Amino acid sequence: MRKGTAATTGLWLVAAGAHLALGRWIDHAAGTGVLGAASLYAYLAIGLGTQNILVRRRAARLAPRVAPGLPAGV
């Protein structure tokens, strides 16, 4: 159902790391100390939520259609 490879995982980890690093840099420059963590959590939630929706839609298109009241495979 997913079409990701090891390169996809690597790029995703690099993007998350870059996001965390930029958040920490902004926190250091602004002196707030909370933007980096909150921003990373939002990034992860939006990214993983979007992936979940897309994979579920793709799976629904690939799933065999079953008539109501009939067991699967009939």
C-alpha atoms as a PDB file:
ATOM      1  CA  MET A   1       0.000   0.000   0.000  1.00  0.00           C
ATOM      2  CA  ARG A   2       2.923   2.324   0.571  1.00  0.00           C
ATOM      3  CA  LYS A   3       5.442   3.088  -2.097  1.00  0.00           C
ATOM      4  CA  GLY A   4       8.233   4.393   0.131  1.00  0.00           C
ATOM      5  CA  THR A   5      11.799   3.113   0.015  1.00  0.00           C
ATOM      6  CA  ALA A   6      14.823   3.442   2.289  1.00  0.00           C
ATOM      7  CA  ALA A   7      15.553   6.738   0.533  1.00  0.00           C
ATOM      8  CA  THR A   8      12.065   7.987   1.432  1.00  0.00           C
ATOM      9  CA  THR A   9      12.677   7.174   5.088  1.00  0.00           C
ATOM     10  CA  GLY A  10      16.093   8.812   5.007  1.00  0.00           C
ATOM     11  CA  LEU A  11      14.766  11.983   3.421  1.00  0.00           C
ATOM     12  CA  TRP A  12      11.889  12.105   5.903  1.00  0.00           C
ATOM     13  CA  LEU A  13      14.332  11.822   8.819  1.00  0.00           C
ATOM     14  CA  VAL A  14      16.554  14.539   7.321  1.00  0.00           C
ATOM     15  CA  ALA A  15      13.524  16.819   6.925  1.00  0.00           C
ATOM     16  CA  ALA A  16      12.416  16.222  10.530  1.00  0.00           C
ATOM     17  CA  GLY A  17      15.966  16.841  11.771  1.00  0.00           C
ATOM     18  CA  ALA A  18      16.243  20.049   9.754  1.00  0.00           C
ATOM     19  CA  HIS A  19      12.893  21.193  11.115  1.00  0.00           C
ATOM     20  CA  LEU A  20      14.033  20.530  14.684  1.00  0.00           C
ATOM     21  CA  ALA A  21      17.369  22.269  14.103  1.00  0.00           C
ATOM     22  CA  LEU A  22      15.712  25.360  12.623  1.00  0.00           C
ATOM     23  CA  GLY A  23      13.224  25.453  15.502  1.00  0.00           C
ATOM     24  CA  ARG A  24      16.042  25.328  18.053  1.00  0.00           C
ATOM     25  CA  TRP A  25      17.942  28.038  16.186  1.00  0.00           C
ATOM     26  CA  ILE A  26      14.867  30.271  16.178  1.00  0.00           C
ATOM     27  CA  ASP A  27      14.334  29.561  19.897  1.00  0.00           C
ATOM     28  CA  HIS A  28      17.931  30.515  20.637  1.00  0.00           C
ATOM     29  CA  ALA A  29      17.720  33.698  18.549  1.00  0.00           C
ATOM     30  CA  ALA A  30      14.350  34.751  20.000  1.00  0.00           C
ATOM     31  CA  GLY A  31      15.060  33.548  23.537  1.00  0.00           C
ATOM     32  CA  THR A  32      11.675  31.842  23.875  1.00  0.00           C
ATOM     33  CA  GLY A  33      12.596  28.163  24.101  1.00  0.00           C
ATOM     34  CA  VAL A  34       9.224  26.658  23.098  1.00  0.00           C
ATOM     35  CA  LEU A  35       8.778  27.201  19.376  1.00  0.00           C
ATOM     36  CA  GLY A  36      11.058  24.363  18.253  1.00  0.00           C
ATOM     37  CA  ALA A  37       9.247  21.581  20.120  1.00  0.00           C
ATOM     38  CA  ALA A  38       5.746  22.835  19.325  1.00  0.00           C
ATOM     39  CA  SER A  39       6.638  23.357  15.676  1.00  0.00           C
ATOM     40  CA  LEU A  40       8.159  19.875  15.401  1.00  0.00           C
ATOM     41  CA  TYR A  41       5.057  18.285  16.944  1.00  0.00           C
ATOM     42  CA  ALA A  42       2.837  20.138  14.478  1.00  0.00           C
ATOM     43  CA  TYR A  43       5.108  19.102  11.597  1.00  0.00           C
ATOM     44  CA  LEU A  44       4.937  15.439  12.630  1.00  0.00           C
ATOM     45  CA  ALA A  45       1.179  15.501  13.239  1.00  0.00           C
ATOM     46  CA  ILE A  46       0.399  17.116   9.897  1.00  0.00           C
ATOM     47  CA  GLY A  47       2.851  14.926   7.969  1.00  0.00           C
ATOM     48  CA  LEU A  48       1.805  11.620   9.514  1.00  0.00           C
ATOM     49  CA  GLY A  49      -1.891  12.536   9.405  1.00  0.00           C
ATOM     50  CA  THR A  50      -1.675  13.355   5.712  1.00  0.00           C
ATOM     51  CA  GLN A  51       0.180  10.121   4.982  1.00  0.00           C
ATOM     52  CA  ASN A  52      -2.471   8.181   6.904  1.00  0.00           C
ATOM     53  CA  ILE A  53      -5.298   9.733   4.888  1.00  0.00           C
ATOM     54  CA  LEU A  54      -3.561   9.118   1.554  1.00  0.00           C
ATOM     55  CA  VAL A  55      -2.682   5.495   2.338  1.00  0.00           C
ATOM     56  CA  ARG A  56      -6.224   4.756   3.546  1.00  0.00           C
ATOM     57  CA  ARG A  57      -7.700   6.233   0.352  1.00  0.00           C
ATOM     58  CA  ARG A  58      -5.321   4.195  -1.782  1.00  0.00           C
ATOM     59  CA  ALA A  59      -6.165   1.030   0.174  1.00  0.00           C
ATOM     60  CA  ALA A  60      -9.896   1.688  -0.211  1.00  0.00           C
ATOM     61  CA  ARG A  61      -9.481   1.913  -3.996  1.00  0.00           C
ATOM     62  CA  LEU A  62      -7.544  -1.370  -4.054  1.00  0.00           C
ATOM     63  CA  ALA A  63      -9.852  -3.300  -1.709  1.00  0.00           C
ATOM     64  CA  PRO A  64     -12.322  -5.693  -3.327  1.00  0.00           C
ATOM     65  CA  ARG A  65     -15.924  -4.566  -3.201  1.00  0.00           C
ATOM     66  CA  VAL A  66     -18.177  -6.782  -1.057  1.00  0.00           C
ATOM     67  CA  ALA A  67     -21.955  -6.634  -1.328  1.00  0.00           C
ATOM     68  CA  PRO A  68     -23.730  -5.947   1.983  1.00  0.00           C
ATOM     69  CA  GLY A  69     -24.766  -9.120   3.760  1.00  0.00           C
ATOM     70  CA  LEU A  70     -22.424 -11.386   1.788  1.00  0.00           C
ATOM     71  CA  PRO A  71     -19.235 -12.850   3.240  1.00  0.00           C
ATOM     72  CA  ALA A  72     -15.965 -11.740   1.685  1.00  0.00           C
ATOM     73  CA  GLY A  73     -14.910 -13.802  -1.308  1.00  0.00           C
ATOM     74  CA  VAL A  74     -18.443 -14.515  -2.538  1.00  0.00           C
END
